[in-house]
Amino acid sequence: MPKPRYDEDENVSRHAAAEASDCLEMESKYGWELKRIEELPEAPNQVFEVDCVFEGKTEFPKSYYDSEKENGKDA
């Protein structure tokens, strides 16, 4: 069973990535604190190889499209 994206007990968030270097890029780009990198179990046609585990509850910023859609506008 996959782990939850936000683990309240551990106070960490997970974001899947194609490779470990993507975790470092997310840490730098969004200012999140990277705690560790977990390898995901192999699966057929697997795209994501790792889970990037960050301190606290982390969310990607909304895209321009999502922001406009919430405001009732077509993007």
C-alpha atoms as a PDB file:
ATOM      1  CA  MET A   1       0.000   0.000   0.000  1.00  0.00           C
ATOM      2  CA  PRO A   2       1.445   3.420  -0.895  1.00  0.00           C
ATOM      3  CA  LYS A   3       2.331   5.794   1.897  1.00  0.00           C
ATOM      4  CA  PRO A   4       0.158   8.925   2.293  1.00  0.00           C
ATOM      5  CA  ARG A   5       1.411  12.083   0.631  1.00  0.00           C
ATOM      6  CA  TYR A   6       1.260  13.919   3.980  1.00  0.00           C
ATOM      7  CA  ASP A   7       2.060  11.833   7.063  1.00  0.00           C
ATOM      8  CA  GLU A   8       0.666  13.704  10.050  1.00  0.00           C
ATOM      9  CA  ASP A   9       2.354  11.439  12.613  1.00  0.00           C
ATOM     10  CA  GLU A  10       5.809  11.990  11.131  1.00  0.00           C
ATOM     11  CA  ASN A  11       5.055  15.542   9.875  1.00  0.00           C
ATOM     12  CA  VAL A  12       6.508  14.851   6.423  1.00  0.00           C
ATOM     13  CA  SER A  13       5.228  15.088   2.853  1.00  0.00           C
ATOM     14  CA  ARG A  14       6.106  12.803  -0.045  1.00  0.00           C
ATOM     15  CA  HIS A  15       6.335  13.752  -3.698  1.00  0.00           C
ATOM     16  CA  ALA A  16       7.200  11.124  -6.298  1.00  0.00           C
ATOM     17  CA  ALA A  17      10.027  11.831  -8.727  1.00  0.00           C
ATOM     18  CA  ALA A  18      11.693  10.166 -11.697  1.00  0.00           C
ATOM     19  CA  GLU A  19      15.127  10.284 -10.060  1.00  0.00           C
ATOM     20  CA  ALA A  20      16.849  11.432  -6.873  1.00  0.00           C
ATOM     21  CA  SER A  21      18.235  14.604  -8.469  1.00  0.00           C
ATOM     22  CA  ASP A  22      14.635  15.775  -8.951  1.00  0.00           C
ATOM     23  CA  CYS A  23      14.263  15.817  -5.147  1.00  0.00           C
ATOM     24  CA  LEU A  24      17.197  18.198  -4.834  1.00  0.00           C
ATOM     25  CA  GLU A  25      15.689  20.384  -7.545  1.00  0.00           C
ATOM     26  CA  MET A  26      12.334  20.552  -5.695  1.00  0.00           C
ATOM     27  CA  GLU A  27      14.130  21.425  -2.453  1.00  0.00           C
ATOM     28  CA  SER A  28      15.933  24.295  -4.154  1.00  0.00           C
ATOM     29  CA  LYS A  29      13.005  25.544  -6.234  1.00  0.00           C
ATOM     30  CA  TYR A  30      10.331  25.518  -3.512  1.00  0.00           C
ATOM     31  CA  GLY A  31      12.488  26.022  -0.393  1.00  0.00           C
ATOM     32  CA  TRP A  32      11.356  22.739   1.168  1.00  0.00           C
ATOM     33  CA  GLU A  33      13.630  20.841   3.580  1.00  0.00           C
ATOM     34  CA  LEU A  34      14.498  17.433   2.104  1.00  0.00           C
ATOM     35  CA  LYS A  35      14.635  14.820   4.881  1.00  0.00           C
ATOM     36  CA  ARG A  36      15.379  11.719   2.807  1.00  0.00           C
ATOM     37  CA  ILE A  37      14.853   9.964  -0.511  1.00  0.00           C
ATOM     38  CA  GLU A  38      12.996   6.627  -0.542  1.00  0.00           C
ATOM     39  CA  GLU A  39      13.244   4.179  -3.431  1.00  0.00           C
ATOM     40  CA  LEU A  40       9.868   3.008  -4.727  1.00  0.00           C
ATOM     41  CA  PRO A  41       9.226  -0.696  -5.395  1.00  0.00           C
ATOM     42  CA  GLU A  42       9.718  -1.634  -9.034  1.00  0.00           C
ATOM     43  CA  ALA A  43       6.591  -1.921 -11.169  1.00  0.00           C
ATOM     44  CA  PRO A  44       5.894  -2.444 -14.896  1.00  0.00           C
ATOM     45  CA  ASN A  45       6.073   0.787 -16.936  1.00  0.00           C
ATOM     46  CA  GLN A  46       7.232   2.668 -13.844  1.00  0.00           C
ATOM     47  CA  VAL A  47       7.873   6.379 -14.346  1.00  0.00           C
ATOM     48  CA  PHE A  48       8.593   7.439 -10.766  1.00  0.00           C
ATOM     49  CA  GLU A  49      11.568   5.750  -9.106  1.00  0.00           C
ATOM     50  CA  VAL A  50      11.733   7.606  -5.768  1.00  0.00           C
ATOM     51  CA  ASP A  51       9.678   9.419  -3.156  1.00  0.00           C
ATOM     52  CA  CYS A  52      11.153  12.722  -2.025  1.00  0.00           C
ATOM     53  CA  VAL A  53      10.361  13.127   1.679  1.00  0.00           C
ATOM     54  CA  PHE A  54      10.151  16.732   2.882  1.00  0.00           C
ATOM     55  CA  GLU A  55       9.688  18.248   6.352  1.00  0.00           C
ATOM     56  CA  GLY A  56       6.118  19.403   7.088  1.00  0.00           C
ATOM     57  CA  LYS A  57       3.115  19.740   4.821  1.00  0.00           C
ATOM     58  CA  THR A  58       4.215  20.769   1.333  1.00  0.00           C
ATOM     59  CA  GLU A  59       2.101  21.540  -1.718  1.00  0.00           C
ATOM     60  CA  PHE A  60       3.060  22.618  -5.200  1.00  0.00           C
ATOM     61  CA  PRO A  61       1.927  26.162  -6.061  1.00  0.00           C
ATOM     62  CA  LYS A  62      -1.224  26.377  -8.148  1.00  0.00           C
ATOM     63  CA  SER A  63      -0.649  26.754 -11.845  1.00  0.00           C
ATOM     64  CA  TYR A  64      -1.906  29.790 -13.741  1.00  0.00           C
ATOM     65  CA  TYR A  65      -4.576  27.564 -15.302  1.00  0.00           C
ATOM     66  CA  ASP A  66      -5.856  26.327 -11.926  1.00  0.00           C
ATOM     67  CA  SER A  67      -5.949  29.866 -10.473  1.00  0.00           C
ATOM     68  CA  GLU A  68      -7.955  31.229 -13.405  1.00  0.00           C
ATOM     69  CA  LYS A  69     -10.336  28.261 -13.338  1.00  0.00           C
ATOM     70  CA  GLU A  70     -11.078  28.881  -9.627  1.00  0.00           C
ATOM     71  CA  ASN A  71     -11.922  32.502 -10.458  1.00  0.00           C
ATOM     72  CA  GLY A  72     -14.495  31.344 -13.013  1.00  0.00           C
ATOM     73  CA  LYS A  73     -12.418  32.313 -16.026  1.00  0.00           C
ATOM     74  CA  ASP A  74     -11.350  30.149 -18.929  1.00  0.00           C
ATOM     75  CA  ALA A  75      -7.579  29.987 -19.028  1.00  0.00           C
END
